[in-house]
């Protein structure tokens, strides 16, 4: 056996052991699946209105949720707005523990931050008014601007279901 044929056999064996690294694209990878929910076989997955809108429809159907004035001259930078919004969401999640039936909607209009959402009717009115005042006062102090909460109550978890998939 010559040296060249031995080298050829070794290279051939190495090609089987170490496959070449190539990009493989399958039809599943080419689909745009971000932000979409899969349809279940029994169609028993409940979706709220916010969850039911696909990403390409958000600008048309939910634009009223994103009116803000953070892009005017002298306003907050987008990075500061995102950090503040995350802080507000985490604070509300901790203060109103498992009482929100929907997503927390944050509207920035001029100098006012409005926080909207749906809460369950299981909370007593006295406790609800205390939590509203507590949340508004602390967030107003920390964010240095007026904060208003706009809440509506729902009787049951099934009341917020928009459709089943």
N, C-alpha and C. Protein backbone atom coordinates (compact mmCIF):
# COMPACT_ATOMS: atom_id res chain seq x y z
N UNK A 1 0.85 -1.17 0.00
CA UNK A 1 0.00 0.00 0.00
C UNK A 1 0.90 1.23 0.00
N UNK A 2 0.64 2.10 -0.90
CA UNK A 2 1.47 3.29 -1.01
C UNK A 2 1.04 4.31 0.05
N UNK A 3 1.92 5.29 0.24
CA UNK A 3 1.67 6.33 1.23
C UNK A 3 0.47 7.19 0.85
N UNK A 4 0.31 7.50 -0.43
CA UNK A 4 -0.82 8.35 -0.86
C UNK A 4 -2.15 7.64 -0.67
N UNK A 5 -2.22 6.33 -0.91
CA UNK A 5 -3.48 5.62 -0.72
C UNK A 5 -3.81 5.50 0.77
N UNK A 6 -2.78 5.37 1.63
CA UNK A 6 -3.01 5.31 3.07
C UNK A 6 -3.54 6.65 3.58
N UNK A 7 -2.99 7.75 3.12
CA UNK A 7 -3.45 9.09 3.51
C UNK A 7 -4.89 9.30 3.02
N UNK A 8 -5.18 8.84 1.81
CA UNK A 8 -6.53 8.97 1.26
C UNK A 8 -7.53 8.22 2.13
N UNK A 9 -7.18 6.99 2.58
CA UNK A 9 -8.07 6.19 3.42
C UNK A 9 -8.29 6.87 4.77
N UNK A 10 -7.21 7.44 5.36
CA UNK A 10 -7.33 8.14 6.65
C UNK A 10 -8.23 9.36 6.52
N UNK A 11 -8.07 10.13 5.43
CA UNK A 11 -8.92 11.30 5.22
C UNK A 11 -10.37 10.89 5.02
N UNK A 12 -10.59 9.79 4.34
CA UNK A 12 -11.95 9.30 4.09
C UNK A 12 -12.61 8.87 5.39
N UNK A 13 -11.82 8.19 6.26
CA UNK A 13 -12.36 7.77 7.56
C UNK A 13 -12.66 9.00 8.42
N UNK A 14 -11.78 10.00 8.41
CA UNK A 14 -12.01 11.22 9.18
C UNK A 14 -13.26 11.95 8.70
N UNK A 15 -13.54 11.92 7.41
CA UNK A 15 -14.72 12.61 6.90
C UNK A 15 -16.00 11.95 7.40
N UNK A 16 -15.95 10.63 7.67
CA UNK A 16 -17.13 9.97 8.24
C UNK A 16 -17.25 10.26 9.73
N UNK A 17 -16.12 10.35 10.42
CA UNK A 17 -16.14 10.60 11.86
C UNK A 17 -16.48 12.05 12.15
N UNK A 18 -15.86 12.99 11.46
CA UNK A 18 -16.09 14.41 11.69
C UNK A 18 -16.85 15.00 10.50
N UNK A 19 -18.17 15.03 10.57
CA UNK A 19 -18.91 15.59 9.45
C UNK A 19 -18.66 17.09 9.32
N UNK A 20 -18.77 17.57 8.13
CA UNK A 20 -18.57 18.99 7.89
C UNK A 20 -19.69 19.79 8.57
N UNK A 21 -19.38 20.95 9.06
CA UNK A 21 -20.36 21.80 9.72
C UNK A 21 -21.02 22.69 8.68
N UNK A 22 -22.23 22.36 8.37
CA UNK A 22 -22.97 23.11 7.36
C UNK A 22 -24.25 23.65 7.98
N UNK A 23 -24.81 24.63 7.38
CA UNK A 23 -26.10 25.17 7.82
C UNK A 23 -27.20 24.35 7.19
N UNK A 24 -28.08 23.82 8.03
CA UNK A 24 -29.20 23.07 7.49
C UNK A 24 -30.47 23.87 7.78
N UNK A 25 -31.27 24.04 6.78
CA UNK A 25 -32.50 24.81 6.94
C UNK A 25 -33.67 23.90 6.64
N UNK A 26 -34.57 23.81 7.58
CA UNK A 26 -35.76 23.00 7.38
C UNK A 26 -36.96 23.92 7.25
N UNK A 27 -38.07 23.44 6.75
CA UNK A 27 -39.25 24.30 6.60
C UNK A 27 -39.75 24.86 7.93
N UNK A 28 -39.58 24.13 9.04
CA UNK A 28 -40.02 24.61 10.34
C UNK A 28 -39.23 25.85 10.75
N UNK A 29 -37.93 25.86 10.48
CA UNK A 29 -37.09 26.99 10.86
C UNK A 29 -37.40 28.24 10.05
N UNK A 30 -37.93 28.07 8.87
CA UNK A 30 -38.18 29.22 8.02
C UNK A 30 -39.49 29.94 8.37
N UNK A 31 -40.36 29.30 9.14
CA UNK A 31 -41.62 29.92 9.50
C UNK A 31 -41.40 30.99 10.56
N UNK A 32 -42.25 32.00 10.55
CA UNK A 32 -42.21 33.05 11.56
C UNK A 32 -43.15 32.63 12.69
N UNK A 33 -42.62 32.06 13.76
CA UNK A 33 -43.43 31.53 14.85
C UNK A 33 -43.36 32.37 16.11
N UNK A 34 -42.60 33.43 16.12
CA UNK A 34 -42.45 34.22 17.34
C UNK A 34 -43.77 34.90 17.70
N UNK A 35 -44.15 34.81 18.95
CA UNK A 35 -45.34 35.49 19.43
C UNK A 35 -46.65 34.82 19.06
N UNK A 36 -46.60 33.62 18.54
CA UNK A 36 -47.83 32.91 18.14
C UNK A 36 -47.99 31.68 19.02
N UNK A 37 -49.22 31.31 19.25
CA UNK A 37 -49.52 30.13 20.06
C UNK A 37 -49.96 29.00 19.15
N UNK A 38 -49.52 27.79 19.48
CA UNK A 38 -49.90 26.63 18.68
C UNK A 38 -51.32 26.21 19.01
N UNK A 39 -52.03 25.75 18.01
CA UNK A 39 -53.38 25.27 18.21
C UNK A 39 -53.30 23.89 18.86
N UNK A 40 -54.04 23.71 19.94
CA UNK A 40 -54.04 22.43 20.64
C UNK A 40 -55.03 21.48 19.97
N UNK A 41 -54.84 20.16 20.10
CA UNK A 41 -55.75 19.21 19.46
C UNK A 41 -57.21 19.35 19.92
N UNK A 42 -57.42 19.65 21.21
CA UNK A 42 -58.78 19.78 21.72
C UNK A 42 -59.28 21.21 21.74
N UNK A 43 -58.47 22.14 21.31
CA UNK A 43 -58.79 23.57 21.32
C UNK A 43 -59.27 24.02 22.70
N UNK A 44 -58.44 23.75 23.70
CA UNK A 44 -58.81 24.10 25.06
C UNK A 44 -57.82 25.07 25.72
N UNK A 45 -56.94 25.70 24.95
CA UNK A 45 -55.99 26.67 25.49
C UNK A 45 -56.64 28.05 25.46
N UNK A 46 -56.93 28.65 26.64
CA UNK A 46 -57.57 29.97 26.64
C UNK A 46 -56.56 31.08 26.36
N UNK A 47 -56.94 32.03 25.52
CA UNK A 47 -56.10 33.19 25.21
C UNK A 47 -56.85 34.46 25.57
N UNK A 48 -56.14 35.43 26.15
CA UNK A 48 -56.73 36.73 26.39
C UNK A 48 -56.62 37.55 25.10
N UNK A 49 -57.17 38.75 25.11
CA UNK A 49 -57.13 39.60 23.93
C UNK A 49 -55.69 39.94 23.55
N UNK A 50 -54.87 40.23 24.55
CA UNK A 50 -53.48 40.58 24.28
C UNK A 50 -52.71 39.41 23.68
N UNK A 51 -53.00 38.20 24.16
CA UNK A 51 -52.30 37.02 23.67
C UNK A 51 -52.79 36.59 22.29
N UNK A 52 -54.04 36.90 21.95
CA UNK A 52 -54.63 36.43 20.70
C UNK A 52 -54.17 37.20 19.48
N UNK A 53 -53.60 38.38 19.66
CA UNK A 53 -53.16 39.18 18.51
C UNK A 53 -51.79 38.73 18.04
N UNK A 54 -51.67 38.37 16.76
CA UNK A 54 -50.34 37.99 16.24
C UNK A 54 -49.44 39.22 16.14
N UNK A 55 -48.13 39.02 16.06
CA UNK A 55 -47.20 40.16 16.05
C UNK A 55 -47.44 41.16 14.93
N UNK A 56 -47.85 40.71 13.75
CA UNK A 56 -48.01 41.66 12.65
C UNK A 56 -49.29 42.48 12.78
N UNK A 57 -50.17 42.18 13.73
CA UNK A 57 -51.40 42.94 13.93
C UNK A 57 -51.33 43.90 15.12
N UNK A 58 -50.26 43.86 15.87
CA UNK A 58 -50.18 44.66 17.09
C UNK A 58 -50.30 46.15 16.79
N UNK A 59 -49.64 46.63 15.75
CA UNK A 59 -49.69 48.06 15.44
C UNK A 59 -51.09 48.52 15.06
N UNK A 60 -51.91 47.63 14.52
CA UNK A 60 -53.25 48.00 14.09
C UNK A 60 -54.27 47.87 15.20
N UNK A 61 -54.16 46.81 15.98
CA UNK A 61 -55.20 46.52 16.98
C UNK A 61 -54.89 47.03 18.37
N UNK A 62 -53.63 47.21 18.69
CA UNK A 62 -53.27 47.59 20.05
C UNK A 62 -52.50 48.90 20.11
N UNK A 63 -52.60 49.74 19.12
CA UNK A 63 -51.82 50.98 19.13
C UNK A 63 -52.24 51.91 20.25
N UNK A 64 -53.49 51.84 20.70
CA UNK A 64 -53.95 52.69 21.78
C UNK A 64 -53.25 52.36 23.09
N UNK A 65 -52.65 51.17 23.20
CA UNK A 65 -51.92 50.81 24.41
C UNK A 65 -50.52 51.42 24.43
N UNK A 66 -50.05 51.93 23.32
CA UNK A 66 -48.67 52.39 23.26
C UNK A 66 -48.54 53.89 23.01
N UNK A 67 -49.58 54.65 23.28
CA UNK A 67 -49.43 56.09 23.16
C UNK A 67 -48.54 56.57 24.28
N UNK A 68 -47.45 57.21 23.93
CA UNK A 68 -46.60 57.75 24.98
C UNK A 68 -45.91 59.00 24.47
N UNK A 69 -45.37 59.74 25.41
CA UNK A 69 -44.68 60.97 25.06
C UNK A 69 -43.21 60.90 25.46
N UNK A 70 -42.67 59.70 25.53
CA UNK A 70 -41.28 59.56 25.95
C UNK A 70 -40.30 59.90 24.84
N UNK A 71 -40.79 60.12 23.62
CA UNK A 71 -39.87 60.44 22.52
C UNK A 71 -39.83 61.94 22.20
N UNK A 72 -40.45 62.78 23.00
CA UNK A 72 -40.39 64.21 22.76
C UNK A 72 -39.06 64.76 23.27
N UNK A 73 -38.73 65.99 22.87
CA UNK A 73 -37.48 66.60 23.27
C UNK A 73 -37.49 66.82 24.79
N UNK A 74 -36.44 66.40 25.44
CA UNK A 74 -36.34 66.55 26.88
C UNK A 74 -36.99 65.41 27.65
N UNK A 75 -37.55 64.44 26.96
CA UNK A 75 -38.18 63.30 27.62
C UNK A 75 -37.15 62.24 27.98
N UNK A 76 -37.63 61.13 28.47
CA UNK A 76 -36.74 60.03 28.83
C UNK A 76 -36.21 59.34 27.59
N UNK A 77 -35.02 58.78 27.73
CA UNK A 77 -34.49 57.95 26.66
C UNK A 77 -35.24 56.63 26.66
N UNK A 78 -35.31 55.94 25.51
CA UNK A 78 -36.03 54.67 25.47
C UNK A 78 -35.51 53.64 26.47
N UNK A 79 -34.22 53.62 26.73
CA UNK A 79 -33.70 52.66 27.70
C UNK A 79 -34.21 52.94 29.10
N UNK A 80 -34.33 54.22 29.47
CA UNK A 80 -34.87 54.57 30.78
C UNK A 80 -36.34 54.22 30.88
N UNK A 81 -37.07 54.39 29.79
CA UNK A 81 -38.49 54.05 29.77
C UNK A 81 -38.68 52.56 29.98
N UNK A 82 -37.86 51.74 29.34
CA UNK A 82 -37.98 50.29 29.48
C UNK A 82 -37.69 49.87 30.91
N UNK A 83 -36.66 50.44 31.50
CA UNK A 83 -36.30 50.09 32.88
C UNK A 83 -37.42 50.50 33.83
N UNK A 84 -37.98 51.69 33.64
CA UNK A 84 -39.08 52.14 34.49
C UNK A 84 -40.31 51.24 34.32
N UNK A 85 -40.62 50.87 33.08
CA UNK A 85 -41.78 50.00 32.84
C UNK A 85 -41.59 48.64 33.51
N UNK A 86 -40.40 48.07 33.43
CA UNK A 86 -40.13 46.80 34.08
C UNK A 86 -40.25 46.94 35.59
N UNK A 87 -39.75 48.05 36.13
CA UNK A 87 -39.86 48.30 37.57
C UNK A 87 -41.33 48.39 37.98
N UNK A 88 -42.13 49.11 37.21
CA UNK A 88 -43.57 49.25 37.51
C UNK A 88 -44.24 47.89 37.47
N UNK A 89 -43.97 47.09 36.45
CA UNK A 89 -44.59 45.76 36.33
C UNK A 89 -44.22 44.85 37.50
N UNK A 90 -42.95 44.85 37.89
CA UNK A 90 -42.51 44.01 39.00
C UNK A 90 -43.12 44.49 40.32
N UNK A 91 -43.20 45.80 40.51
CA UNK A 91 -43.80 46.35 41.73
C UNK A 91 -45.28 45.98 41.82
N UNK A 92 -45.99 46.10 40.70
CA UNK A 92 -47.42 45.76 40.68
C UNK A 92 -47.61 44.27 40.90
N UNK A 93 -46.76 43.46 40.29
CA UNK A 93 -46.86 42.00 40.46
C UNK A 93 -46.66 41.61 41.93
N UNK A 94 -45.77 42.29 42.62
CA UNK A 94 -45.54 41.98 44.03
C UNK A 94 -46.60 42.55 44.94
N UNK A 95 -47.10 43.75 44.64
CA UNK A 95 -48.11 44.39 45.48
C UNK A 95 -49.48 43.77 45.28
N UNK A 96 -49.87 43.57 44.04
CA UNK A 96 -51.17 43.01 43.69
C UNK A 96 -50.99 41.52 43.38
N UNK A 97 -50.45 40.77 44.31
CA UNK A 97 -50.07 39.37 44.08
C UNK A 97 -51.27 38.53 43.64
N UNK A 98 -51.21 38.00 42.42
CA UNK A 98 -52.22 37.12 41.80
C UNK A 98 -53.62 37.72 41.78
N UNK A 99 -53.73 39.05 41.74
CA UNK A 99 -55.04 39.69 41.64
C UNK A 99 -55.33 40.22 40.24
N UNK A 100 -54.30 40.39 39.41
CA UNK A 100 -54.51 40.90 38.06
C UNK A 100 -54.94 39.77 37.14
N UNK A 101 -56.02 40.00 36.40
CA UNK A 101 -56.53 39.00 35.46
C UNK A 101 -55.98 39.23 34.06
N UNK A 102 -55.38 40.38 33.80
CA UNK A 102 -54.86 40.70 32.47
C UNK A 102 -53.43 41.20 32.63
N UNK A 103 -52.87 41.60 31.51
CA UNK A 103 -51.54 42.21 31.55
C UNK A 103 -51.64 43.61 32.14
N UNK A 104 -50.54 44.08 32.67
CA UNK A 104 -50.47 45.45 33.18
C UNK A 104 -50.18 46.37 31.99
N UNK A 105 -51.07 47.31 31.74
CA UNK A 105 -50.89 48.24 30.63
C UNK A 105 -50.40 49.57 31.20
N UNK A 106 -49.27 50.03 30.68
CA UNK A 106 -48.67 51.28 31.15
C UNK A 106 -48.80 52.31 30.03
N UNK A 107 -49.50 53.40 30.30
CA UNK A 107 -49.68 54.47 29.32
C UNK A 107 -48.97 55.71 29.84
N UNK A 108 -48.10 56.26 29.04
CA UNK A 108 -47.40 57.50 29.41
C UNK A 108 -48.00 58.62 28.58
N UNK A 109 -48.68 59.54 29.24
CA UNK A 109 -49.31 60.66 28.55
C UNK A 109 -48.86 61.94 29.22
N UNK A 110 -48.08 62.72 28.50
CA UNK A 110 -47.50 63.96 29.02
C UNK A 110 -46.67 63.65 30.25
N UNK A 111 -47.06 64.16 31.41
CA UNK A 111 -46.29 63.94 32.62
C UNK A 111 -46.91 62.85 33.49
N UNK A 112 -48.00 62.25 33.06
CA UNK A 112 -48.73 61.29 33.88
C UNK A 112 -48.47 59.87 33.38
N UNK A 113 -48.31 58.97 34.32
CA UNK A 113 -48.22 57.55 33.99
C UNK A 113 -49.53 56.91 34.45
N UNK A 114 -50.24 56.29 33.51
CA UNK A 114 -51.50 55.62 33.83
C UNK A 114 -51.26 54.12 33.75
N UNK A 115 -51.69 53.42 34.79
CA UNK A 115 -51.55 51.98 34.86
C UNK A 115 -52.95 51.38 34.80
N UNK A 116 -53.20 50.56 33.79
CA UNK A 116 -54.53 49.99 33.59
C UNK A 116 -54.46 48.47 33.62
N UNK A 117 -55.61 47.87 33.93
CA UNK A 117 -55.67 46.42 33.93
C UNK A 117 -56.99 45.93 34.49
N UNK A 118 -57.16 44.63 34.43
CA UNK A 118 -58.35 43.97 34.97
C UNK A 118 -57.95 43.19 36.21
N UNK A 119 -58.73 43.34 37.30
CA UNK A 119 -58.46 42.58 38.52
C UNK A 119 -59.67 41.74 38.86
N UNK A 120 -59.44 40.71 39.67
CA UNK A 120 -60.52 39.82 40.08
C UNK A 120 -61.35 40.48 41.17
N UNK A 121 -62.61 40.16 41.20
CA UNK A 121 -63.54 40.74 42.15
C UNK A 121 -63.42 40.09 43.53
N UNK A 122 -62.51 39.15 43.68
CA UNK A 122 -62.37 38.45 44.95
C UNK A 122 -61.79 39.33 46.05
N UNK A 123 -61.17 40.43 45.70
CA UNK A 123 -60.57 41.32 46.68
C UNK A 123 -61.66 42.23 47.27
N UNK A 124 -61.55 42.48 48.57
CA UNK A 124 -62.51 43.35 49.23
C UNK A 124 -62.30 44.80 48.78
N UNK A 125 -63.38 45.60 48.70
CA UNK A 125 -63.22 46.99 48.26
C UNK A 125 -62.27 47.79 49.13
N UNK A 126 -62.32 47.58 50.45
CA UNK A 126 -61.45 48.31 51.35
C UNK A 126 -59.98 48.03 51.05
N UNK A 127 -59.66 46.75 50.82
CA UNK A 127 -58.29 46.36 50.49
C UNK A 127 -57.88 46.90 49.12
N UNK A 128 -58.83 46.89 48.17
CA UNK A 128 -58.53 47.38 46.82
C UNK A 128 -58.19 48.88 46.85
N UNK A 129 -58.99 49.67 47.59
CA UNK A 129 -58.71 51.11 47.67
C UNK A 129 -57.40 51.39 48.37
N UNK A 130 -57.08 50.58 49.39
CA UNK A 130 -55.79 50.74 50.05
C UNK A 130 -54.65 50.45 49.08
N UNK A 131 -54.76 49.35 48.33
CA UNK A 131 -53.69 48.99 47.39
C UNK A 131 -53.54 50.03 46.28
N UNK A 132 -54.67 50.59 45.82
CA UNK A 132 -54.60 51.64 44.79
C UNK A 132 -53.84 52.85 45.33
N UNK A 133 -54.21 53.32 46.52
CA UNK A 133 -53.53 54.48 47.12
C UNK A 133 -52.07 54.20 47.40
N UNK A 134 -51.79 53.02 47.93
CA UNK A 134 -50.41 52.63 48.24
C UNK A 134 -49.56 52.62 46.98
N UNK A 135 -50.08 52.01 45.92
CA UNK A 135 -49.33 51.91 44.66
C UNK A 135 -49.12 53.28 44.04
N UNK A 136 -50.17 54.09 43.99
CA UNK A 136 -50.04 55.43 43.40
C UNK A 136 -49.05 56.29 44.17
N UNK A 137 -49.12 56.27 45.50
CA UNK A 137 -48.23 57.11 46.31
C UNK A 137 -46.77 56.71 46.15
N UNK A 138 -46.48 55.42 46.29
CA UNK A 138 -45.09 54.99 46.20
C UNK A 138 -44.50 55.19 44.81
N UNK A 139 -45.26 54.83 43.77
CA UNK A 139 -44.73 55.01 42.41
C UNK A 139 -44.58 56.49 42.07
N UNK A 140 -45.50 57.34 42.54
CA UNK A 140 -45.37 58.78 42.30
C UNK A 140 -44.11 59.33 42.96
N UNK A 141 -43.82 58.85 44.17
CA UNK A 141 -42.62 59.30 44.88
C UNK A 141 -41.35 58.83 44.19
N UNK A 142 -41.32 57.56 43.78
CA UNK A 142 -40.12 57.01 43.17
C UNK A 142 -39.89 57.52 41.76
N UNK A 143 -40.95 57.69 40.96
CA UNK A 143 -40.79 58.08 39.56
C UNK A 143 -40.86 59.59 39.36
N UNK A 144 -41.17 60.34 40.40
CA UNK A 144 -41.22 61.80 40.36
C UNK A 144 -42.21 62.34 39.34
N UNK A 145 -43.36 61.67 39.20
CA UNK A 145 -44.43 62.15 38.33
C UNK A 145 -45.74 61.52 38.81
N UNK A 146 -46.87 62.14 38.50
CA UNK A 146 -48.15 61.57 38.95
C UNK A 146 -48.42 60.20 38.33
N UNK A 147 -48.90 59.27 39.14
CA UNK A 147 -49.25 57.93 38.69
C UNK A 147 -50.71 57.70 39.03
N UNK A 148 -51.49 57.28 38.06
CA UNK A 148 -52.91 56.99 38.26
C UNK A 148 -53.17 55.54 37.89
N UNK A 149 -54.01 54.87 38.67
CA UNK A 149 -54.38 53.50 38.36
C UNK A 149 -55.81 53.47 37.86
N UNK A 150 -56.02 52.81 36.73
CA UNK A 150 -57.35 52.66 36.14
C UNK A 150 -57.65 51.17 36.09
N UNK A 151 -58.46 50.71 37.04
CA UNK A 151 -58.73 49.29 37.16
C UNK A 151 -60.20 48.99 36.93
N UNK A 152 -60.45 47.83 36.36
CA UNK A 152 -61.81 47.31 36.23
C UNK A 152 -61.81 45.91 36.82
N UNK A 153 -62.95 45.51 37.35
CA UNK A 153 -63.03 44.20 37.98
C UNK A 153 -63.78 43.22 37.09
N UNK A 154 -63.40 41.96 37.19
CA UNK A 154 -64.10 40.87 36.51
C UNK A 154 -64.45 39.82 37.55
N UNK A 155 -65.56 39.13 37.33
CA UNK A 155 -66.05 38.17 38.31
C UNK A 155 -65.28 36.86 38.29
N UNK A 156 -64.89 36.41 37.10
CA UNK A 156 -64.33 35.07 36.99
C UNK A 156 -63.17 35.07 36.01
N UNK A 157 -62.32 34.06 36.09
CA UNK A 157 -61.20 33.93 35.16
C UNK A 157 -61.66 33.73 33.72
N UNK A 158 -62.83 33.14 33.55
CA UNK A 158 -63.34 32.88 32.20
C UNK A 158 -63.81 34.16 31.51
N UNK A 159 -63.99 35.23 32.26
CA UNK A 159 -64.45 36.49 31.66
C UNK A 159 -63.38 37.17 30.81
N UNK A 160 -62.12 36.86 31.04
CA UNK A 160 -61.05 37.49 30.27
C UNK A 160 -60.61 36.66 29.08
N UNK A 161 -61.22 35.50 28.88
CA UNK A 161 -60.85 34.63 27.75
C UNK A 161 -61.45 35.22 26.47
N UNK A 162 -60.59 35.46 25.50
CA UNK A 162 -61.01 36.02 24.21
C UNK A 162 -61.39 34.92 23.24
N UNK A 163 -60.56 33.87 23.20
CA UNK A 163 -60.85 32.72 22.34
C UNK A 163 -60.03 31.53 22.80
N UNK A 164 -60.43 30.36 22.37
CA UNK A 164 -59.72 29.12 22.66
C UNK A 164 -59.04 28.62 21.40
N UNK A 165 -57.78 28.19 21.53
CA UNK A 165 -57.10 27.58 20.38
C UNK A 165 -56.58 26.22 20.78
